[in-house]
Amino acid sequence: MPIFVNDIEISDDEVHEEMQHHPSKDVSEARHKAAHALVIRKLLLIEAVEQNLIEKLNGCSSSTEEDAIGQLIHQQVELKQADEESCQRYFENNQQRFKDKSSDQILPFELVHSHIREYLETRSLQSGINYYLKQLVGKAQIVGFKLESCDGPLVQ
């Protein structure tokens, strides 16, 4: 059964082709994950067309589509930089995560600071993308597929 996102079809063949990128314990789960990924991608591409980042939905190379999606996310999602205070607070609240396995000692903050900063910024970006996707889902008409609850993340 085909899926429609704002009257644009995602065919069963497209879903089956995408399934190879979503290993799962059974075919049903792989199909669901593939359909989910394609719906999200289609929402982003529709928005990229509306924002004049690409001219049309079909006929572009996958790299052009990826570039347009990247530009769209860069324009629409604010990346919050993790400041020193946030990194220090995270370190203090999660010290057990920063133990040296051989000595069982907590690693010094200076040694793990860059990893904490990267983690916090990645988490912030994921949160921003999920918020943006929920906005796109809210204004879209999706037929033939139900995305997970809007309370949970749409991408991880």
Protein backbone atom coordinates (compact mmCIF):
# COMPACT_ATOMS: atom_id res chain seq x y z
CA MET A 1 0.00 0.00 0.00
CA PRO A 2 1.54 3.31 -1.04
CA ILE A 3 2.15 6.21 1.33
CA PHE A 4 1.33 9.80 0.46
CA VAL A 5 3.01 12.85 1.94
CA ASN A 6 1.15 16.00 0.88
CA ASP A 7 -0.19 14.08 -2.16
CA ILE A 8 3.30 12.91 -3.16
CA GLU A 9 3.55 9.13 -3.35
CA ILE A 10 6.12 6.90 -1.73
CA SER A 11 5.69 3.59 -3.53
CA ASP A 12 5.97 0.12 -2.07
CA ASP A 13 9.01 -0.38 -4.31
CA GLU A 14 10.73 2.62 -2.72
CA VAL A 15 9.99 1.27 0.75
CA HIS A 16 11.29 -2.19 -0.17
CA GLU A 17 14.46 -0.69 -1.65
CA GLU A 18 15.00 1.38 1.53
CA MET A 19 14.55 -1.67 3.79
CA GLN A 20 18.13 -2.80 3.13
CA HIS A 21 19.33 0.19 5.17
CA HIS A 22 17.23 -0.75 8.21
CA PRO A 23 18.25 -4.16 9.56
CA SER A 24 15.65 -5.47 11.98
CA LYS A 25 14.53 -8.63 13.70
CA ASP A 26 11.69 -9.10 11.21
CA VAL A 27 10.47 -7.85 7.85
CA SER A 28 7.56 -5.89 9.33
CA GLU A 29 9.87 -3.86 11.56
CA ALA A 30 12.31 -3.22 8.70
CA ARG A 31 9.43 -2.06 6.49
CA HIS A 32 8.17 0.29 9.21
CA LYS A 33 11.64 1.78 9.76
CA ALA A 34 12.15 2.21 6.01
CA ALA A 35 8.76 3.87 5.56
CA HIS A 36 9.46 6.13 8.53
CA ALA A 37 12.79 7.24 7.04
CA LEU A 38 11.23 7.89 3.64
CA VAL A 39 8.36 9.94 5.10
CA ILE A 40 10.81 12.09 7.07
CA ARG A 41 13.01 12.52 3.99
CA LYS A 42 10.01 13.44 1.84
CA LEU A 43 8.85 16.03 4.40
CA LEU A 44 12.31 17.61 4.39
CA LEU A 45 12.54 17.60 0.59
CA ILE A 46 9.08 19.17 0.24
CA GLU A 47 10.18 21.90 2.62
CA ALA A 48 13.47 22.32 0.72
CA VAL A 49 11.47 22.97 -2.45
CA GLU A 50 9.26 25.47 -0.59
CA GLN A 51 12.40 27.23 0.69
CA ASN A 52 13.86 27.30 -2.87
CA LEU A 53 16.82 25.12 -1.93
CA ILE A 54 16.04 22.73 -4.78
CA GLU A 55 13.79 23.28 -7.80
CA LYS A 56 11.75 20.09 -7.78
CA LEU A 57 11.28 16.90 -5.82
CA ASN A 58 12.06 14.36 -8.49
CA GLY A 59 14.95 14.40 -10.89
CA CYS A 60 17.67 15.60 -8.51
CA SER A 61 20.61 13.44 -7.63
CA SER A 62 20.67 12.01 -4.13
CA SER A 63 23.71 14.17 -3.32
CA THR A 64 21.79 17.30 -4.38
CA GLU A 65 18.90 16.21 -2.17
CA GLU A 66 21.28 15.56 0.73
CA ASP A 67 22.84 19.00 0.27
CA ALA A 68 19.40 20.64 0.23
CA ILE A 69 18.36 18.80 3.41
CA GLY A 70 21.62 19.83 5.06
CA GLN A 71 21.07 23.48 4.09
CA LEU A 72 17.48 23.34 5.30
CA ILE A 73 18.48 21.98 8.70
CA HIS A 74 21.30 24.51 8.95
CA GLN A 75 18.85 27.34 8.23
CA GLN A 76 16.00 26.13 10.43
CA VAL A 77 17.69 24.55 13.43
CA GLU A 78 19.76 26.63 15.81
CA LEU A 79 22.85 24.87 17.08
CA LYS A 80 23.46 25.91 20.66
CA GLN A 81 27.11 25.90 21.64
CA ALA A 82 27.83 24.21 24.96
CA ASP A 83 29.42 26.74 27.28
CA GLU A 84 32.00 25.97 29.95
CA GLU A 85 29.41 26.05 32.74
CA SER A 86 27.14 23.53 30.99
CA CYS A 87 30.05 21.18 30.37
CA GLN A 88 31.20 21.43 33.98
CA ARG A 89 27.66 20.82 35.29
CA TYR A 90 27.26 17.78 33.04
CA PHE A 91 30.61 16.43 34.24
CA GLU A 92 29.69 16.91 37.90
CA ASN A 93 26.29 15.24 37.46
CA ASN A 94 27.65 12.28 35.48
CA GLN A 95 31.06 11.53 36.95
CA GLN A 96 30.50 7.77 36.90
CA ARG A 97 30.55 7.96 33.10
CA PHE A 98 34.08 9.31 33.21
CA LYS A 99 35.86 6.59 35.14
CA ASP A 100 39.10 5.12 33.94
CA LYS A 101 38.34 1.41 33.56
CA SER A 102 41.76 0.25 34.64
CA SER A 103 42.23 2.45 37.72
CA ASP A 104 38.56 3.07 38.59
CA GLN A 105 39.44 6.76 39.06
CA ILE A 106 37.34 9.66 37.77
CA LEU A 107 39.12 11.24 34.82
CA PRO A 108 39.95 14.94 35.15
CA PHE A 109 37.48 17.37 33.59
CA GLU A 110 40.18 18.81 31.31
CA LEU A 111 40.67 15.40 29.73
CA VAL A 112 36.98 14.84 28.90
CA HIS A 113 35.88 18.44 28.34
CA SER A 114 35.92 18.29 24.52
CA HIS A 115 33.95 15.03 24.51
CA ILE A 116 31.34 16.53 26.82
CA ARG A 117 31.05 19.65 24.65
CA GLU A 118 30.61 17.53 21.51
CA TYR A 119 28.02 15.31 23.22
CA LEU A 120 25.98 18.27 24.51
CA GLU A 121 26.04 20.01 21.13
CA THR A 122 25.04 16.83 19.30
CA ARG A 123 22.18 16.29 21.74
CA SER A 124 21.08 19.90 21.25
CA LEU A 125 21.16 19.50 17.46
CA GLN A 126 19.13 16.26 17.62
CA SER A 127 16.58 17.94 19.86
CA GLY A 128 16.33 20.90 17.47
CA ILE A 129 15.90 18.63 14.45
CA ASN A 130 13.16 16.66 16.21
CA TYR A 131 11.34 19.86 17.14
CA TYR A 132 11.56 21.08 13.54
CA LEU A 133 10.36 17.73 12.19
CA LYS A 134 7.37 17.79 14.55
CA GLN A 135 6.45 21.18 13.09
CA LEU A 136 6.67 19.77 9.55
CA VAL A 137 4.61 16.73 10.53
CA GLY A 138 2.02 18.99 12.12
CA LYS A 139 1.39 20.87 8.90
CA ALA A 140 1.67 17.85 6.57
CA GLN A 141 -0.96 15.48 5.32
CA ILE A 142 0.36 11.92 5.60
CA VAL A 143 -1.79 9.06 4.32
CA GLY A 144 -0.96 5.36 4.56
CA PHE A 145 1.54 5.64 7.40
CA LYS A 146 1.44 6.79 11.00
CA LEU A 147 4.56 8.34 12.43
CA GLU A 148 5.40 7.57 16.04
CA SER A 149 3.91 9.75 18.72
CA CYS A 150 4.91 13.37 18.49
CA ASP A 151 5.92 13.11 22.15
CA GLY A 152 8.95 11.00 21.26
CA PRO A 153 11.83 11.75 18.89
CA LEU A 154 11.24 11.39 15.16
CA VAL A 155 14.93 10.79 14.53
CA GLN A 156 17.66 9.54 16.84
